[in-house]
Amino acid sequence: IFHETFAHLQQQHGQVNYVGSTACAVVSWIDADNKLHITTANLGDSSAYVVIVSDRGLEYYSRLNVLHKPTAFSERERIDFLGGIVRFGRLGANLALSRAFSDKELDGKGISYT
């Protein structure tokens, strides 16, 4: 469901020049065995965290996703494969993230919404 939703948002978003956005979506549920399940999807540098607080204060916290930075090895390989470039740690020497809903300007330059 996340892939289809993000594809629809990119289609709508990609009609405008010089505009971009990151996103983070989280779905959680408790199953029949009373176990918590959490699924996340993100683009760019938007983050999701799980935080557990009790009457004693903060018990636990953890980031649930990975940030999409053009300096990460796997992202750089993907950008190169798509014909984009990374300069000065930025996609196209401009954008500090490698996945986002993007405008027409960045089409075919290594940006991705998946």
N, C-alpha and C. Protein backbone atom coordinates (compact mmCIF):
# COMPACT_ATOMS: atom_id res chain seq x y z
N ILE A 1 0.82 -1.20 0.00
CA ILE A 1 0.00 0.00 0.00
C ILE A 1 0.87 1.27 0.00
N PHE A 2 2.03 1.23 0.69
CA PHE A 2 2.89 2.41 0.71
C PHE A 2 3.38 2.75 -0.69
N HIS A 3 3.81 1.74 -1.45
CA HIS A 3 4.35 1.99 -2.79
C HIS A 3 3.31 2.66 -3.67
N GLU A 4 2.09 2.15 -3.68
CA GLU A 4 1.04 2.73 -4.51
C GLU A 4 0.70 4.15 -4.07
N THR A 5 0.66 4.37 -2.78
CA THR A 5 0.36 5.71 -2.26
C THR A 5 1.45 6.69 -2.64
N PHE A 6 2.71 6.30 -2.45
CA PHE A 6 3.82 7.19 -2.79
C PHE A 6 3.86 7.46 -4.29
N ALA A 7 3.55 6.45 -5.12
CA ALA A 7 3.52 6.65 -6.58
C ALA A 7 2.45 7.67 -6.96
N HIS A 8 1.29 7.58 -6.34
CA HIS A 8 0.22 8.55 -6.61
C HIS A 8 0.64 9.96 -6.19
N LEU A 9 1.25 10.08 -5.02
CA LEU A 9 1.69 11.39 -4.56
C LEU A 9 2.77 11.97 -5.47
N GLN A 10 3.69 11.12 -5.94
CA GLN A 10 4.73 11.60 -6.86
C GLN A 10 4.10 12.10 -8.16
N GLN A 11 3.10 11.38 -8.66
CA GLN A 11 2.44 11.80 -9.90
C GLN A 11 1.84 13.19 -9.73
N GLN A 12 1.20 13.43 -8.61
CA GLN A 12 0.60 14.74 -8.36
C GLN A 12 1.67 15.81 -8.12
N HIS A 13 2.67 15.46 -7.35
CA HIS A 13 3.72 16.39 -6.96
C HIS A 13 4.61 16.76 -8.14
N GLY A 14 4.88 15.81 -9.03
CA GLY A 14 5.81 16.01 -10.13
C GLY A 14 5.33 16.95 -11.21
N GLN A 15 4.16 17.50 -11.08
CA GLN A 15 3.63 18.43 -12.08
C GLN A 15 4.14 19.85 -11.89
N VAL A 16 4.80 20.12 -10.78
CA VAL A 16 5.23 21.47 -10.42
C VAL A 16 6.76 21.54 -10.47
N ASN A 17 7.31 22.65 -10.95
CA ASN A 17 8.76 22.83 -10.97
C ASN A 17 9.25 23.42 -9.66
N TYR A 18 10.48 23.04 -9.30
CA TYR A 18 11.21 23.59 -8.16
C TYR A 18 10.50 23.37 -6.82
N VAL A 19 9.88 22.22 -6.68
CA VAL A 19 9.21 21.87 -5.43
C VAL A 19 9.54 20.43 -5.11
N GLY A 20 9.82 20.13 -3.85
CA GLY A 20 10.08 18.76 -3.42
C GLY A 20 9.59 18.57 -2.00
N SER A 21 9.51 17.32 -1.59
CA SER A 21 9.05 17.04 -0.24
C SER A 21 9.53 15.67 0.21
N THR A 22 9.75 15.53 1.50
CA THR A 22 10.02 14.23 2.08
C THR A 22 8.73 13.73 2.72
N ALA A 23 8.74 12.48 3.16
CA ALA A 23 7.54 11.91 3.77
C ALA A 23 7.92 10.78 4.71
N CYS A 24 7.03 10.52 5.64
CA CYS A 24 7.18 9.39 6.54
C CYS A 24 5.78 8.88 6.87
N ALA A 25 5.56 7.59 6.71
CA ALA A 25 4.27 6.99 7.02
C ALA A 25 4.49 5.80 7.96
N VAL A 26 3.60 5.64 8.91
CA VAL A 26 3.70 4.56 9.89
C VAL A 26 2.34 3.92 10.06
N VAL A 27 2.32 2.59 10.04
CA VAL A 27 1.11 1.82 10.35
C VAL A 27 1.48 0.87 11.48
N SER A 28 0.67 0.86 12.52
CA SER A 28 0.91 -0.08 13.62
C SER A 28 -0.38 -0.81 13.96
N TRP A 29 -0.24 -2.03 14.45
CA TRP A 29 -1.39 -2.81 14.85
C TRP A 29 -0.98 -3.86 15.88
N ILE A 30 -1.94 -4.33 16.63
CA ILE A 30 -1.73 -5.41 17.59
C ILE A 30 -2.45 -6.63 17.06
N ASP A 31 -1.71 -7.75 16.97
CA ASP A 31 -2.29 -8.97 16.40
C ASP A 31 -3.08 -9.76 17.45
N ALA A 32 -3.58 -10.91 17.04
CA ALA A 32 -4.41 -11.75 17.93
C ALA A 32 -3.64 -12.25 19.14
N ASP A 33 -2.30 -12.33 19.04
CA ASP A 33 -1.46 -12.76 20.16
C ASP A 33 -1.00 -11.59 21.02
N ASN A 34 -1.61 -10.42 20.78
CA ASN A 34 -1.31 -9.20 21.53
C ASN A 34 0.12 -8.69 21.29
N LYS A 35 0.66 -8.98 20.09
CA LYS A 35 1.99 -8.49 19.72
C LYS A 35 1.83 -7.24 18.86
N LEU A 36 2.68 -6.26 19.14
CA LEU A 36 2.68 -5.01 18.39
C LEU A 36 3.49 -5.17 17.11
N HIS A 37 2.94 -4.72 15.99
CA HIS A 37 3.64 -4.71 14.71
C HIS A 37 3.68 -3.26 14.22
N ILE A 38 4.83 -2.86 13.67
CA ILE A 38 4.98 -1.51 13.14
C ILE A 38 5.64 -1.62 11.76
N THR A 39 5.04 -0.96 10.79
CA THR A 39 5.61 -0.89 9.43
C THR A 39 5.77 0.57 9.08
N THR A 40 6.94 0.91 8.53
CA THR A 40 7.20 2.30 8.15
C THR A 40 7.62 2.39 6.69
N ALA A 41 7.42 3.55 6.12
CA ALA A 41 7.95 3.90 4.80
C ALA A 41 8.36 5.36 4.88
N ASN A 42 9.53 5.66 4.31
CA ASN A 42 9.97 7.05 4.34
C ASN A 42 10.71 7.42 3.07
N LEU A 43 10.76 8.68 2.83
CA LEU A 43 11.54 9.26 1.74
C LEU A 43 12.39 10.37 2.32
N GLY A 44 13.66 10.39 1.95
CA GLY A 44 14.51 11.50 2.35
C GLY A 44 14.92 11.45 3.79
N ASP A 45 14.83 12.59 4.46
CA ASP A 45 15.31 12.69 5.82
C ASP A 45 14.20 12.83 6.85
N SER A 46 13.00 12.37 6.51
CA SER A 46 11.92 12.30 7.49
C SER A 46 12.12 11.04 8.33
N SER A 47 11.88 11.15 9.62
CA SER A 47 12.15 10.04 10.52
C SER A 47 10.93 9.65 11.34
N ALA A 48 10.89 8.38 11.69
CA ALA A 48 9.89 7.85 12.61
C ALA A 48 10.64 7.21 13.78
N TYR A 49 10.15 7.44 14.98
CA TYR A 49 10.75 6.88 16.18
C TYR A 49 9.68 6.15 16.98
N VAL A 50 10.09 5.11 17.67
CA VAL A 50 9.24 4.52 18.69
C VAL A 50 9.78 5.02 20.03
N VAL A 51 8.87 5.48 20.87
CA VAL A 51 9.25 6.03 22.17
C VAL A 51 8.35 5.39 23.22
N ILE A 52 8.98 4.85 24.24
CA ILE A 52 8.22 4.24 25.34
C ILE A 52 8.51 5.04 26.61
N VAL A 53 7.44 5.57 27.19
CA VAL A 53 7.54 6.37 28.40
C VAL A 53 6.65 5.75 29.47
N SER A 54 7.18 5.62 30.65
CA SER A 54 6.38 5.11 31.77
C SER A 54 6.33 6.18 32.85
N ASP A 55 5.75 5.85 33.97
CA ASP A 55 5.70 6.81 35.07
C ASP A 55 7.10 7.10 35.64
N ARG A 56 8.09 6.27 35.27
CA ARG A 56 9.48 6.51 35.69
C ARG A 56 10.22 7.39 34.69
N GLY A 57 9.57 7.74 33.59
CA GLY A 57 10.21 8.57 32.57
C GLY A 57 10.46 7.78 31.29
N LEU A 58 11.42 8.26 30.52
CA LEU A 58 11.75 7.63 29.25
C LEU A 58 12.34 6.25 29.48
N GLU A 59 11.73 5.25 28.88
CA GLU A 59 12.20 3.87 29.03
C GLU A 59 13.03 3.43 27.82
N TYR A 60 12.61 3.85 26.62
CA TYR A 60 13.26 3.35 25.40
C TYR A 60 12.89 4.25 24.23
N TYR A 61 13.83 4.41 23.31
CA TYR A 61 13.51 5.06 22.04
C TYR A 61 14.44 4.51 20.96
N SER A 62 13.94 4.49 19.74
CA SER A 62 14.74 4.00 18.62
C SER A 62 14.17 4.54 17.31
N ARG A 63 15.05 4.88 16.39
CA ARG A 63 14.60 5.27 15.05
C ARG A 63 14.14 4.01 14.33
N LEU A 64 13.06 4.13 13.59
CA LEU A 64 12.48 2.98 12.89
C LEU A 64 12.84 2.92 11.41
N ASN A 65 13.54 3.92 10.91
CA ASN A 65 13.82 3.93 9.48
C ASN A 65 15.24 4.45 9.21
N VAL A 66 15.63 4.37 7.96
CA VAL A 66 16.94 4.81 7.51
C VAL A 66 16.78 6.08 6.70
N LEU A 67 17.63 7.05 6.93
CA LEU A 67 17.58 8.28 6.15
C LEU A 67 18.21 8.04 4.78
N HIS A 68 17.66 8.65 3.76
CA HIS A 68 18.17 8.49 2.40
C HIS A 68 19.09 9.64 2.06
N LYS A 69 20.37 9.42 2.23
CA LYS A 69 21.39 10.43 1.97
C LYS A 69 22.23 10.01 0.77
N PRO A 70 22.58 10.94 -0.11
CA PRO A 70 23.37 10.59 -1.29
C PRO A 70 24.78 10.11 -0.96
N THR A 71 25.25 10.33 0.26
CA THR A 71 26.58 9.89 0.65
C THR A 71 26.62 8.42 1.07
N ALA A 72 25.47 7.80 1.32
CA ALA A 72 25.43 6.38 1.68
C ALA A 72 25.83 5.55 0.46
N PHE A 73 26.64 4.53 0.67
CA PHE A 73 27.17 3.73 -0.44
C PHE A 73 26.07 3.19 -1.34
N SER A 74 25.05 2.56 -0.74
CA SER A 74 23.98 1.97 -1.56
C SER A 74 23.20 3.03 -2.34
N GLU A 75 23.01 4.19 -1.74
CA GLU A 75 22.31 5.27 -2.44
C GLU A 75 23.17 5.83 -3.58
N ARG A 76 24.45 5.95 -3.33
CA ARG A 76 25.35 6.47 -4.37
C ARG A 76 25.39 5.52 -5.57
N GLU A 77 25.43 4.22 -5.31
CA GLU A 77 25.39 3.24 -6.41
C GLU A 77 24.10 3.39 -7.21
N ARG A 78 22.97 3.54 -6.52
CA ARG A 78 21.68 3.68 -7.19
C ARG A 78 21.64 4.96 -8.01
N ILE A 79 22.14 6.04 -7.46
CA ILE A 79 22.17 7.33 -8.15
C ILE A 79 23.03 7.23 -9.42
N ASP A 80 24.21 6.63 -9.29
CA ASP A 80 25.08 6.44 -10.46
C ASP A 80 24.37 5.62 -11.53
N PHE A 81 23.72 4.55 -11.13
CA PHE A 81 23.01 3.68 -12.08
C PHE A 81 21.91 4.44 -12.82
N LEU A 82 21.25 5.37 -12.13
CA LEU A 82 20.17 6.15 -12.74
C LEU A 82 20.67 7.36 -13.52
N GLY A 83 21.99 7.54 -13.58
CA GLY A 83 22.54 8.64 -14.36
C GLY A 83 22.70 9.94 -13.60
N GLY A 84 22.51 9.91 -12.29
CA GLY A 84 22.69 11.11 -11.49
C GLY A 84 24.13 11.25 -11.03
N ILE A 85 24.43 12.35 -10.37
CA ILE A 85 25.77 12.58 -9.83
C ILE A 85 25.67 13.04 -8.38
N VAL A 86 26.71 12.74 -7.63
CA VAL A 86 26.83 13.22 -6.26
C VAL A 86 28.09 14.08 -6.20
N ARG A 87 27.91 15.33 -5.84
CA ARG A 87 29.03 16.26 -5.67
C ARG A 87 28.85 17.00 -4.35
N PHE A 88 29.96 17.16 -3.64
CA PHE A 88 29.93 17.87 -2.36
C PHE A 88 28.95 17.21 -1.39
N GLY A 89 28.78 15.87 -1.52
CA GLY A 89 27.87 15.14 -0.64
C GLY A 89 26.40 15.36 -0.95
N ARG A 90 26.11 15.95 -2.11
CA ARG A 90 24.73 16.28 -2.47
C ARG A 90 24.38 15.73 -3.85
N LEU A 91 23.14 15.35 -4.02
CA LEU A 91 22.64 14.89 -5.31
C LEU A 91 22.64 16.07 -6.27
N GLY A 92 23.40 15.94 -7.37
CA GLY A 92 23.50 17.03 -8.32
C GLY A 92 24.13 18.28 -7.73
N ALA A 93 24.96 18.12 -6.69
CA ALA A 93 25.60 19.22 -5.98
C ALA A 93 24.59 20.18 -5.35
N ASN A 94 23.34 19.72 -5.19
CA ASN A 94 22.29 20.61 -4.73
C ASN A 94 21.48 20.03 -3.57
N LEU A 95 21.00 18.80 -3.72
CA LEU A 95 20.03 18.23 -2.78
C LEU A 95 20.72 17.32 -1.77
N ALA A 96 20.48 17.53 -0.49
CA ALA A 96 21.14 16.79 0.58
C ALA A 96 20.47 15.45 0.88
N LEU A 97 19.50 15.05 0.08
CA LEU A 97 18.88 13.74 0.23
C LEU A 97 18.70 13.13 -1.14
N SER A 98 18.49 11.81 -1.16
CA SER A 98 18.48 11.11 -2.45
C SER A 98 17.13 10.49 -2.80
N ARG A 99 16.19 10.55 -1.90
CA ARG A 99 14.85 10.06 -2.21
C ARG A 99 13.84 11.07 -1.71
N ALA A 100 12.90 11.42 -2.56
CA ALA A 100 11.89 12.42 -2.22
C ALA A 100 10.85 12.47 -3.30
N PHE A 101 9.72 13.07 -2.98
CA PHE A 101 8.80 13.46 -4.04
C PHE A 101 9.48 14.65 -4.71
N SER A 102 9.65 14.59 -6.01
CA SER A 102 10.44 15.63 -6.65
C SER A 102 9.72 16.27 -7.82
N ASP A 103 10.25 17.39 -8.22
CA ASP A 103 9.71 18.11 -9.36
C ASP A 103 10.36 17.65 -10.66
N LYS A 104 9.90 18.21 -11.75
CA LYS A 104 10.39 17.83 -13.07
C LYS A 104 11.88 18.08 -13.23
N GLU A 105 12.41 19.09 -12.54
CA GLU A 105 13.82 19.44 -12.66
C GLU A 105 14.74 18.27 -12.33
N LEU A 106 14.35 17.41 -11.40
CA LEU A 106 15.21 16.32 -10.95
C LEU A 106 14.91 14.98 -11.62
N ASP A 107 13.93 14.91 -12.49
CA ASP A 107 13.64 13.66 -13.20
C ASP A 107 14.88 13.20 -13.96
N GLY A 108 15.20 11.91 -13.81
CA GLY A 108 16.34 11.34 -14.53
C GLY A 108 17.70 11.72 -13.99
N LYS A 109 17.73 12.28 -12.79
CA LYS A 109 19.01 12.71 -12.22
C LYS A 109 19.35 11.99 -10.92
N GLY A 110 18.72 10.84 -10.70
CA GLY A 110 19.06 10.01 -9.55
C GLY A 110 18.10 10.09 -8.39
N ILE A 111 17.15 11.01 -8.41
CA ILE A 111 16.17 11.10 -7.33
C ILE A 111 15.14 9.99 -7.52
N SER A 112 14.59 9.49 -6.43
CA SER A 112 13.60 8.42 -6.51
C SER A 112 12.59 8.56 -5.39
N TYR A 113 11.36 8.15 -5.65
CA TYR A 113 10.35 8.13 -4.59
C TYR A 113 10.11 6.72 -4.09
N THR A 114 10.90 5.74 -4.55
CA THR A 114 10.77 4.35 -4.07
C THR A 114 12.04 3.88 -3.43
